[in-house]
Amino acid sequence: QVQLVESGGGLVQAGGSLRLSCAVSGSIPKINAMGWYRQAPGKQRVLVAAITPGGSTKYADSVKGRFTISRDGAKNTVYLQMNSLNPEDTAVYYCYANAGHNEFYYWGQGTQVTVSS
């Protein structure tokens, strides 16, 4: 059974940093991309950052220059380094893996990030 296990969320003051990790447990064939979405209270889930097996990355405009996504292929783990955090970054962050021709989505359980002003 495939699981995406997240860690690294928490409470931080504005201007601070956090690093999220997402480890894949089990085997996912033909990953197209992995990354992170986030969902703030009362808002839709939105893409934050994504990375392909080849290392191509994509970021939401709101996090460009502050967040960095990376991957360790050997460990099947994706990381999200978040710097210069502000209260608008407060949300539940969900790791995902998109795989196969039908682009099936696997999801992590979510990790809370809270940024205090």
Protein backbone atom coordinates (compact mmCIF):
# COMPACT_ATOMS: atom_id res chain seq x y z
CA GLN A 1 0.00 0.00 0.00
CA VAL A 2 1.34 3.40 -0.98
CA GLN A 3 1.61 6.10 1.65
CA LEU A 4 2.96 9.64 1.52
CA VAL A 5 4.25 10.52 4.97
CA GLU A 6 4.73 14.20 5.72
CA SER A 7 6.68 15.87 8.47
CA GLY A 8 8.07 19.27 9.39
CA GLY A 9 5.04 21.46 9.94
CA GLY A 10 4.56 23.62 13.00
CA LEU A 11 4.30 27.11 14.41
CA VAL A 12 6.77 29.79 13.39
CA GLN A 13 6.97 33.56 13.64
CA ALA A 14 6.73 35.76 10.58
CA GLY A 15 10.05 35.89 8.80
CA GLY A 16 11.00 32.44 9.98
CA SER A 17 11.63 29.20 8.10
CA LEU A 18 10.37 25.65 8.03
CA ARG A 19 11.23 22.61 5.97
CA LEU A 20 8.60 20.06 5.05
CA SER A 21 9.44 16.51 4.07
CA CYS A 22 7.35 13.95 2.21
CA ALA A 23 8.52 10.36 2.05
CA VAL A 24 6.91 7.79 -0.21
CA SER A 25 6.29 4.46 1.43
CA GLY A 26 5.68 1.71 -1.11
CA SER A 27 6.13 1.84 -4.86
CA ILE A 28 4.57 4.35 -7.24
CA PRO A 29 5.27 3.52 -10.88
CA LYS A 30 5.78 6.26 -13.44
CA ILE A 31 5.66 9.36 -11.26
CA ASN A 32 4.94 12.43 -13.36
CA ALA A 33 5.50 14.94 -10.59
CA MET A 34 5.49 15.35 -6.83
CA GLY A 35 4.93 18.43 -4.79
CA TRP A 36 2.81 20.33 -2.35
CA TYR A 37 -0.61 21.89 -2.25
CA ARG A 38 -1.95 23.97 0.60
CA GLN A 39 -5.39 24.78 1.90
CA ALA A 40 -6.15 27.71 4.14
CA PRO A 41 -9.38 27.83 6.19
CA GLY A 42 -12.34 28.58 3.97
CA LYS A 43 -10.27 28.47 0.79
CA GLN A 44 -9.62 25.99 -1.99
CA ARG A 45 -6.60 23.75 -2.11
CA VAL A 46 -3.97 25.35 -4.35
CA LEU A 47 -0.68 24.22 -5.81
CA VAL A 48 2.38 25.57 -4.02
CA ALA A 49 5.27 23.82 -5.76
CA ALA A 50 5.97 20.79 -7.91
CA ILE A 51 9.00 18.90 -9.17
CA THR A 52 9.39 16.28 -11.88
CA PRO A 53 11.71 13.27 -11.78
CA GLY A 54 13.97 15.21 -14.13
CA GLY A 55 14.18 18.10 -11.70
CA SER A 56 11.95 20.65 -13.41
CA THR A 57 10.16 22.83 -10.90
CA LYS A 58 7.06 24.99 -10.77
CA TYR A 59 5.96 27.45 -8.09
CA ALA A 60 2.93 29.49 -7.24
CA ASP A 61 3.61 33.19 -7.79
CA SER A 62 2.99 33.87 -4.11
CA VAL A 63 5.94 31.72 -3.01
CA LYS A 64 8.50 32.33 -5.76
CA GLY A 65 11.81 33.42 -4.33
CA ARG A 66 10.86 32.23 -0.83
CA PHE A 67 10.14 28.50 -1.20
CA THR A 68 12.37 25.86 -2.74
CA ILE A 69 11.28 22.36 -3.67
CA SER A 70 13.81 19.57 -4.01
CA ARG A 71 13.90 15.78 -4.16
CA ASP A 72 16.09 12.90 -3.14
CA GLY A 73 15.40 10.16 -5.65
CA ALA A 74 17.31 7.54 -3.69
CA LYS A 75 15.14 8.18 -0.63
CA ASN A 76 11.97 8.78 -2.62
CA THR A 77 11.52 11.97 -0.63
CA VAL A 78 10.50 15.48 -1.57
CA TYR A 79 11.31 18.56 0.48
CA LEU A 80 9.87 22.04 0.66
CA GLN A 81 12.14 24.66 2.17
CA MET A 82 10.04 27.65 3.20
CA ASN A 83 11.78 30.92 4.03
CA SER A 84 10.52 34.41 4.85
CA LEU A 85 7.22 32.98 5.98
CA ASN A 86 4.30 35.33 6.52
CA PRO A 87 0.84 34.83 8.06
CA GLU A 88 -0.67 34.35 4.58
CA ASP A 89 1.31 31.11 4.34
CA THR A 90 -0.72 29.62 7.19
CA ALA A 91 -2.47 26.51 5.88
CA VAL A 92 -2.53 22.75 5.88
CA TYR A 93 0.13 21.58 3.44
CA TYR A 94 -0.52 18.38 1.50
CA CYS A 95 2.11 16.37 -0.28
CA TYR A 96 1.06 14.71 -3.51
CA ALA A 97 2.38 12.40 -6.19
CA ASN A 98 0.90 12.38 -9.68
CA ALA A 99 1.49 9.17 -11.55
CA GLY A 100 0.67 7.18 -14.64
CA HIS A 101 -1.02 7.97 -17.92
CA ASN A 102 -4.27 8.75 -16.14
CA GLU A 103 -2.43 11.12 -13.78
CA PHE A 104 -3.70 9.53 -10.59
CA TYR A 105 -3.10 11.58 -7.45
CA TYR A 106 -1.76 10.12 -4.23
CA TRP A 107 -2.06 12.37 -1.18
CA GLY A 108 -0.40 12.72 2.17
CA GLN A 109 -2.39 13.29 5.34
CA GLY A 110 -1.52 16.97 5.54
CA THR A 111 0.65 18.93 7.94
CA GLN A 112 -0.30 22.22 9.60
CA VAL A 113 1.88 25.28 9.10
CA THR A 114 0.99 28.28 11.22
CA VAL A 115 2.80 31.60 10.88
CA SER A 116 2.23 34.14 13.64
CA SER A 117 2.58 37.87 13.09
